Amino acid sequence: MNIKDRVFSVVPRENSGPMASNRFDFQKNWAITKILELHAKPEDYLVSFEYHDDIIVFDSSSDPKKISFYQVKTKTEKAAHWTVNALIKRESGKNGPLNSFIGKLYDNIIKHKGDVLSLTFVTNSRIKGKLSNDISCVDISGFCCNQLCDKDLNTIIDALKAEHSLSDLGDFKDLMFFKLGELDINHHDQLAKAQLADFIDAKFPGAKYQIVPLYKSIFDEVRKKSNVEEVIVDFETLKRKKSISRDDFDKYLQVVTKNSSIESTMASIEGRLNAEQVSVGFIRTFKRYAKIFEVERMNHANRMLKTVIDESNLIVKASTCDEATLWATLDCLYAEVKRTIAAASFIEDDYLRTILLFHFYEQ
């Protein structure tokens, strides 16, 4: 049995994750920064939301061998820090004590055994503790559990042994990490937006784009996938409905290269329409819809519009429409799309024509 099958042989710990996720935009913004970190490297990945843990990362979207598990938690009190005891504290539940924060992470080792690459507790705050070299945990942004001083390390290990009724935790201390001071509880959206802008500027130097709608489209996609509550029965469904892969993120970024040239494309289309003496009214409408299209083509959350954009693009690529004028070719494409795509009937006629003109010129 491979990892894609094993991960579904284990029932997820709880089904209330998506509801909690609705209240924590911090978690979604941290997920975006994690995706940016992964995407900057050449290796494949798959980031899944609210499945077995807050966020899990497979080391491949097609043939994964290892999984990294992340608990993303916040402290709202100003200057508040986590204590070791808070991380191992077990609250009371209806059927007995609940798992502690670290206990939930360790549960992944029990359930997924050798498939676990790492366990990470992510927080906007810091931890009151000490490393074996006497450095305070409050003064650093991250560390591995095996770096803790004996007192704090033994406190965690003894608590986990009692929590899970075990005599040995295996290599837990080498797999457990803490990432501290991640983002800021009051400005996490601005920080995630800034990291996204820095990433795009480095990847597409000189590209013209609008960061706000691009960030919003990615955030909405993370939110949508986080909030899927249906039972996931196989890896492909998890990948499609609750995850973002390298290929997915590449598609989100494609709009940057398209939008960077949208003004020149719009000018070319306008010039051709003027040459063919198309009505001034349509040209004015086209220019207005072109600006709307520049923003809305980034909105992956609007599934109906996304379907029309993607499917009409395929039709334009495969179409045999090749009339004497651009306007006549547009009429041919318009009729084909209206006949083929049911959702196209919900798009304003001139907006649909504008979309088709961009598809035609961007081939």
Protein backbone atom coordinates (compact mmCIF):
# COMPACT_ATOMS: atom_id res chain seq x y z
CA MET A 1 0.00 0.00 0.00
CA ASN A 2 1.49 3.38 -0.99
CA ILE A 3 1.17 6.64 0.90
CA LYS A 4 -1.73 7.82 -1.29
CA ASP A 5 -3.76 4.85 -0.05
CA ARG A 6 -2.43 4.76 3.52
CA VAL A 7 -3.41 8.36 4.24
CA PHE A 8 -7.05 7.40 3.58
CA SER A 9 -6.92 4.22 5.64
CA VAL A 10 -6.72 6.50 8.69
CA VAL A 11 -9.85 8.38 9.75
CA PRO A 12 -9.11 12.11 10.28
CA ARG A 13 -9.04 13.09 13.94
CA GLU A 14 -11.99 15.47 13.81
CA ASN A 15 -14.41 17.03 11.33
CA SER A 16 -14.74 20.44 12.97
CA GLY A 17 -11.58 21.84 11.41
CA PRO A 18 -13.23 23.78 8.57
CA MET A 19 -15.55 25.56 11.02
CA ALA A 20 -12.56 26.62 13.12
CA SER A 21 -10.76 27.64 9.95
CA ASN A 22 -13.53 30.13 9.15
CA ARG A 23 -12.47 32.07 12.25
CA PHE A 24 -8.76 32.08 11.58
CA ASP A 25 -7.65 34.03 8.53
CA PHE A 26 -4.18 33.97 10.08
CA GLN A 27 -3.95 30.28 9.24
CA LYS A 28 -4.90 30.87 5.62
CA ASN A 29 -2.37 33.67 5.24
CA TRP A 30 0.33 31.52 6.80
CA ALA A 31 -0.59 28.81 4.28
CA ILE A 32 -0.03 31.29 1.45
CA THR A 33 3.44 32.15 2.77
CA LYS A 34 4.20 28.43 3.09
CA ILE A 35 3.17 27.86 -0.52
CA LEU A 36 5.43 30.74 -1.60
CA GLU A 37 8.31 29.14 0.33
CA LEU A 38 7.70 25.78 -1.35
CA HIS A 39 7.18 27.29 -4.80
CA ALA A 40 10.53 29.09 -4.65
CA LYS A 41 12.20 25.66 -4.62
CA PRO A 42 12.26 23.29 -7.62
CA GLU A 43 10.69 20.28 -5.89
CA ASP A 44 7.06 19.28 -6.33
CA TYR A 45 4.58 19.63 -3.45
CA LEU A 46 0.94 19.39 -2.46
CA VAL A 47 -0.47 21.54 0.35
CA SER A 48 -3.71 20.21 1.86
CA PHE A 49 -5.98 22.12 4.23
CA GLU A 50 -7.91 20.87 7.27
CA TYR A 51 -7.24 17.20 6.62
CA HIS A 52 -5.64 15.22 9.47
CA ASP A 53 -4.26 18.55 10.71
CA ASP A 54 -4.52 22.30 10.11
CA ILE A 55 -2.16 22.04 7.14
CA ILE A 56 -0.28 19.07 5.74
CA VAL A 57 2.33 19.08 2.98
CA PHE A 58 3.03 16.09 0.73
CA ASP A 59 6.48 16.01 -0.89
CA SER A 60 4.86 15.30 -4.27
CA SER A 61 1.48 15.90 -5.88
CA SER A 62 1.67 12.65 -7.85
CA ASP A 63 3.83 10.14 -5.97
CA PRO A 64 4.36 11.34 -2.38
CA LYS A 65 6.71 9.55 -0.02
CA LYS A 66 6.53 11.78 3.06
CA ILE A 67 4.07 14.14 4.79
CA SER A 68 4.78 17.18 6.98
CA PHE A 69 2.08 18.13 9.51
CA TYR A 70 1.44 21.66 10.81
CA GLN A 71 -0.62 22.99 13.71
CA VAL A 72 -1.13 26.74 13.25
CA LYS A 73 -2.17 28.51 16.47
CA THR A 74 -2.34 32.14 17.58
CA LYS A 75 -2.10 34.16 20.76
CA THR A 76 -4.21 37.31 20.76
CA GLU A 77 -2.92 38.83 24.00
CA LYS A 78 -0.22 41.41 23.45
CA ALA A 79 3.25 40.09 24.31
CA ALA A 80 1.79 36.75 25.41
CA HIS A 81 4.01 33.70 25.16
CA TRP A 82 3.34 29.99 25.16
CA THR A 83 4.66 27.95 28.04
CA VAL A 84 5.76 24.33 27.77
CA ASN A 85 2.92 23.42 30.12
CA ALA A 86 0.39 25.15 27.85
CA LEU A 87 1.59 23.07 24.89
CA ILE A 88 1.09 19.78 26.77
CA LYS A 89 -2.07 20.77 28.65
CA ARG A 90 -5.10 18.55 28.04
CA GLU A 91 -8.52 20.18 28.21
CA SER A 92 -11.56 18.23 29.42
CA GLY A 93 -13.86 16.73 26.81
CA LYS A 94 -17.17 14.86 26.88
CA ASN A 95 -15.42 11.50 26.79
CA GLY A 96 -12.36 12.37 28.85
CA PRO A 97 -9.27 14.54 28.40
CA LEU A 98 -8.63 15.87 24.90
CA ASN A 99 -5.25 15.72 23.21
CA SER A 100 -2.83 18.54 23.94
CA PHE A 101 -1.45 20.65 21.09
CA ILE A 102 1.73 18.61 20.87
CA GLY A 103 -0.26 15.45 21.57
CA LYS A 104 -2.34 16.08 18.45
CA LEU A 105 0.81 16.42 16.39
CA TYR A 106 2.29 13.25 17.88
CA ASP A 107 -0.93 11.42 17.01
CA ASN A 108 0.16 11.74 13.38
CA ILE A 109 3.23 9.60 14.12
CA ILE A 110 0.98 6.94 15.65
CA LYS A 111 -1.36 6.95 12.67
CA HIS A 112 1.05 7.58 9.80
CA LYS A 113 4.25 6.06 11.22
CA GLY A 114 7.14 6.14 8.72
CA ASP A 115 5.28 8.47 6.35
CA VAL A 116 5.92 11.44 8.67
CA LEU A 117 8.68 13.82 7.59
CA SER A 118 8.12 16.44 10.29
CA LEU A 119 5.70 17.87 12.85
CA THR A 120 5.60 21.65 13.29
CA PHE A 121 3.84 23.91 15.78
CA VAL A 122 3.42 27.31 14.10
CA THR A 123 2.42 30.39 16.08
CA ASN A 124 2.51 34.18 15.94
CA SER A 125 3.92 34.23 19.47
CA ARG A 126 6.97 32.77 21.24
CA ILE A 127 7.63 29.98 23.73
CA LYS A 128 8.98 30.38 27.24
CA GLY A 129 11.65 27.72 27.37
CA LYS A 130 15.37 27.17 27.14
CA LEU A 131 17.63 25.39 24.70
CA SER A 132 20.45 23.08 25.73
CA ASN A 133 22.96 25.87 25.01
CA ASP A 134 21.14 28.18 27.48
CA ILE A 135 19.64 30.36 24.72
CA SER A 136 16.08 31.42 25.54
CA CYS A 137 13.41 30.18 23.12
CA VAL A 138 11.85 33.64 23.30
CA ASP A 139 14.88 35.07 21.48
CA ILE A 140 14.77 32.82 18.40
CA SER A 141 12.31 32.25 15.57
CA GLY A 142 12.42 28.47 15.48
CA PHE A 143 14.04 25.33 16.82
CA CYS A 144 13.82 21.54 16.84
CA CYS A 145 12.51 19.77 19.93
CA ASN A 146 15.83 17.95 20.29
CA GLN A 147 17.51 21.32 20.95
CA LEU A 148 15.56 21.93 24.18
CA CYS A 149 17.26 21.72 27.55
CA ASP A 150 16.81 18.43 29.39
CA LYS A 151 14.22 19.86 31.79
CA ASP A 152 11.85 21.17 29.10
CA LEU A 153 12.44 18.22 26.76
CA ASN A 154 11.73 15.67 29.49
CA THR A 155 8.60 17.57 30.53
CA ILE A 156 7.23 17.23 26.98
CA ILE A 157 8.30 13.61 26.52
CA ASP A 158 6.90 12.47 29.88
CA ALA A 159 3.59 14.22 29.17
CA LEU A 160 3.27 12.63 25.72
CA LYS A 161 4.08 9.17 27.06
CA ALA A 162 1.28 9.55 29.61
CA GLU A 163 -1.13 11.07 27.07
CA HIS A 164 -0.68 8.27 24.55
CA SER A 165 0.08 5.44 27.02
CA LEU A 166 3.51 4.78 25.52
CA SER A 167 6.88 3.86 26.99
CA ASP A 168 8.90 5.17 24.04
CA LEU A 169 8.28 7.99 21.54
CA GLY A 170 10.74 6.82 18.91
CA ASP A 171 12.32 9.67 16.95
CA PHE A 172 9.66 12.22 17.94
CA LYS A 173 12.16 14.73 19.35
CA ASP A 174 13.99 14.81 15.98
CA LEU A 175 10.77 15.30 13.97
CA MET A 176 9.12 17.98 16.15
CA PHE A 177 9.76 21.65 15.27
CA PHE A 178 8.53 25.02 16.50
CA LYS A 179 8.19 28.07 14.20
CA LEU A 180 7.72 31.17 16.31
CA GLY A 181 6.75 34.76 15.60
CA GLU A 182 5.28 33.75 12.24
CA LEU A 183 3.44 36.75 10.73
CA ASP A 184 1.60 39.13 13.06
CA ILE A 185 -1.87 38.57 14.47
CA ASN A 186 -3.00 42.11 13.59
CA HIS A 187 -1.32 42.51 10.20
CA HIS A 188 -1.03 39.00 8.78
CA ASP A 189 -2.94 39.89 5.62
CA GLN A 190 -0.65 42.82 4.79
CA LEU A 191 2.43 40.71 5.50
CA ALA A 192 1.20 37.84 3.32
CA LYS A 193 0.37 40.34 0.58
CA ALA A 194 3.86 41.84 0.83
CA GLN A 195 5.51 38.42 0.63
CA LEU A 196 3.40 37.60 -2.43
CA ALA A 197 4.44 40.88 -4.08
CA ASP A 198 8.13 40.21 -3.31
CA PHE A 199 7.80 36.71 -4.77
CA ILE A 200 6.20 37.97 -8.00
CA ASP A 201 8.71 40.81 -8.39
CA ALA A 202 11.54 38.28 -8.13
CA LYS A 203 9.92 35.76 -10.47
CA PHE A 204 8.52 38.24 -13.02
CA PRO A 205 10.74 41.35 -12.88
CA GLY A 206 9.09 44.32 -14.54
CA ALA A 207 5.66 42.68 -14.74
CA LYS A 208 2.66 44.97 -14.29
CA TYR A 209 0.01 43.53 -11.99
CA GLN A 210 -2.44 44.46 -9.25
CA ILE A 211 -1.42 42.79 -5.99
CA VAL A 212 -4.76 43.23 -4.18
CA PRO A 213 -6.99 41.23 -6.57
CA LEU A 214 -4.26 38.62 -7.10
CA TYR A 215 -3.80 38.15 -3.35
CA LYS A 216 -7.57 38.03 -2.83
CA SER A 217 -8.03 35.37 -5.52
CA ILE A 218 -5.37 33.14 -3.91
CA PHE A 219 -6.73 33.76 -0.40
CA ASP A 220 -10.27 32.91 -1.54
CA GLU A 221 -9.00 29.69 -3.11
CA VAL A 222 -7.31 28.68 0.16
CA ARG A 223 -10.47 29.55 2.09
CA LYS A 224 -12.70 27.59 -0.27
CA LYS A 225 -10.52 24.49 -0.08
CA SER A 226 -10.18 24.80 3.71
CA ASN A 227 -13.94 24.87 4.13
CA VAL A 228 -14.79 21.76 2.10
CA GLU A 229 -16.54 19.48 4.61
CA GLU A 230 -17.42 16.47 2.49
CA VAL A 231 -15.83 13.10 3.17
CA ILE A 232 -12.65 12.74 1.11
CA VAL A 233 -12.25 9.17 -0.11
CA ASP A 234 -9.11 9.17 -2.28
CA PHE A 235 -5.95 11.11 -3.07
CA GLU A 236 -7.19 12.62 -6.33
CA THR A 237 -10.27 14.03 -4.56
CA LEU A 238 -8.09 15.45 -1.79
CA LYS A 239 -5.82 16.97 -4.42
CA ARG A 240 -8.68 18.51 -6.36
CA LYS A 241 -10.94 19.75 -3.55
CA LYS A 242 -8.78 20.47 -0.50
CA SER A 243 -5.28 21.09 -1.82
CA ILE A 244 -3.03 23.35 -3.89
CA SER A 245 -0.23 21.83 -5.95
CA ARG A 246 2.73 23.37 -7.76
CA ASP A 247 0.76 23.13 -11.02
CA ASP A 248 -2.23 24.87 -9.41
CA PHE A 249 -0.11 27.75 -8.15
CA ASP A 250 1.59 28.10 -11.52
CA LYS A 251 -1.88 28.59 -13.02
CA TYR A 252 -2.67 31.28 -10.45
CA LEU A 253 0.52 33.09 -11.45
CA GLN A 254 -0.10 32.83 -15.20
CA VAL A 255 -2.40 35.81 -14.93
CA VAL A 256 0.60 37.97 -13.96
CA THR A 257 2.26 37.45 -17.33
CA LYS A 258 -1.04 37.95 -19.11
CA ASN A 259 -1.98 41.08 -17.20
CA SER A 260 1.47 42.58 -17.67
CA SER A 261 0.71 42.85 -21.39
CA ILE A 262 -3.01 43.57 -21.15
CA GLU A 263 -2.64 47.27 -22.03
CA SER A 264 -0.72 46.55 -25.22
CA THR A 265 -3.19 43.77 -26.12
CA MET A 266 -6.11 46.08 -25.45
CA ALA A 267 -4.51 48.78 -27.64
CA SER A 268 -3.99 46.28 -30.47
CA ILE A 269 -7.60 45.11 -30.31
CA GLU A 270 -8.90 48.67 -30.13
CA GLY A 271 -6.79 49.68 -33.13
CA ARG A 272 -8.12 46.78 -35.18
CA LEU A 273 -11.73 47.48 -34.21
CA ASN A 274 -11.30 51.14 -35.18
CA ALA A 275 -9.80 50.10 -38.52
CA GLU A 276 -12.88 47.97 -39.16
CA GLN A 277 -15.12 50.90 -38.16
CA VAL A 278 -16.80 48.96 -35.36
CA SER A 279 -19.23 51.19 -33.44
CA VAL A 280 -17.80 53.65 -30.95
CA GLY A 281 -20.31 52.34 -28.41
CA PHE A 282 -18.87 48.81 -28.50
CA ILE A 283 -15.27 50.04 -28.37
CA ARG A 284 -16.10 52.10 -25.29
CA THR A 285 -17.81 49.05 -23.73
CA PHE A 286 -14.87 46.82 -24.69
CA LYS A 287 -12.38 49.11 -22.90
CA ARG A 288 -14.54 49.12 -19.76
CA TYR A 289 -14.92 45.33 -19.76
CA ALA A 290 -11.20 44.88 -20.48
CA LYS A 291 -10.41 46.56 -17.15
CA ILE A 292 -12.95 44.34 -15.40
CA PHE A 293 -11.51 41.26 -17.09
CA GLU A 294 -8.00 42.21 -15.95
CA VAL A 295 -9.18 41.83 -12.34
CA GLU A 296 -11.79 39.08 -12.63
CA ARG A 297 -9.59 36.63 -14.55
CA MET A 298 -7.68 36.32 -11.24
CA ASN A 299 -10.82 35.43 -9.28
CA HIS A 300 -10.57 31.65 -8.97
CA ALA A 301 -13.43 31.65 -6.44
CA ASN A 302 -15.98 32.67 -9.12
CA ARG A 303 -16.36 29.17 -10.54
CA MET A 304 -18.94 30.04 -13.18
CA LEU A 305 -16.83 32.83 -14.70
CA LYS A 306 -13.68 30.70 -14.42
CA THR A 307 -15.44 27.91 -16.32
CA VAL A 308 -16.50 30.28 -19.09
CA ILE A 309 -13.00 31.78 -19.36
CA ASP A 310 -11.22 28.41 -19.43
CA GLU A 311 -13.64 26.59 -21.72
CA SER A 312 -14.01 29.50 -24.15
CA ASN A 313 -10.22 29.70 -24.38
CA LEU A 314 -10.12 26.05 -25.44
CA ILE A 315 -12.81 26.72 -28.04
CA VAL A 316 -10.90 29.69 -29.47
CA LYS A 317 -7.72 27.60 -29.69
CA ALA A 318 -9.49 24.78 -31.54
CA SER A 319 -11.90 26.87 -33.60
CA THR A 320 -11.87 27.00 -37.39
CA CYS A 321 -13.41 30.48 -37.35
CA ASP A 322 -11.27 32.50 -39.77
CA GLU A 323 -13.36 35.24 -41.34
CA ALA A 324 -12.23 38.23 -43.40
CA THR A 325 -12.44 40.66 -40.49
CA LEU A 326 -11.85 40.49 -36.74
CA TRP A 327 -15.47 41.43 -36.09
CA ALA A 328 -16.78 38.62 -38.31
CA THR A 329 -14.39 36.15 -36.66
CA LEU A 330 -15.61 37.35 -33.27
CA ASP A 331 -19.23 36.72 -34.31
CA CYS A 332 -18.29 33.18 -35.34
CA LEU A 333 -16.50 32.50 -32.03
CA TYR A 334 -19.31 34.09 -30.03
CA ALA A 335 -21.93 31.85 -31.65
CA GLU A 336 -19.78 28.75 -31.05
CA VAL A 337 -19.24 29.56 -27.38
CA LYS A 338 -22.91 30.37 -26.74
CA ARG A 339 -23.87 27.10 -28.39
CA THR A 340 -21.32 25.03 -26.46
CA ILE A 341 -20.99 26.52 -22.95
CA ALA A 342 -24.21 26.65 -20.93
CA ALA A 343 -22.78 29.05 -18.33
CA ALA A 344 -21.98 31.58 -21.07
CA SER A 345 -25.64 32.59 -21.09
CA PHE A 346 -25.10 34.17 -17.65
CA ILE A 347 -22.33 36.48 -18.92
CA GLU A 348 -23.17 39.88 -20.43
CA ASP A 349 -22.93 39.62 -24.23
CA ASP A 350 -20.32 42.34 -24.68
CA TYR A 351 -18.31 41.06 -21.71
CA LEU A 352 -18.22 37.63 -23.37
CA ARG A 353 -17.12 39.25 -26.64
CA THR A 354 -14.36 41.07 -24.73
CA ILE A 355 -13.15 37.78 -23.20
CA LEU A 356 -13.11 36.15 -26.64
CA LEU A 357 -11.14 39.03 -28.14
CA PHE A 358 -8.45 38.62 -25.51
CA HIS A 359 -8.35 34.85 -26.04
CA PHE A 360 -7.99 35.41 -29.79
CA TYR A 361 -5.14 37.91 -29.41
CA GLU A 362 -3.32 35.95 -26.70
CA GLN A 363 -2.99 32.76 -28.75
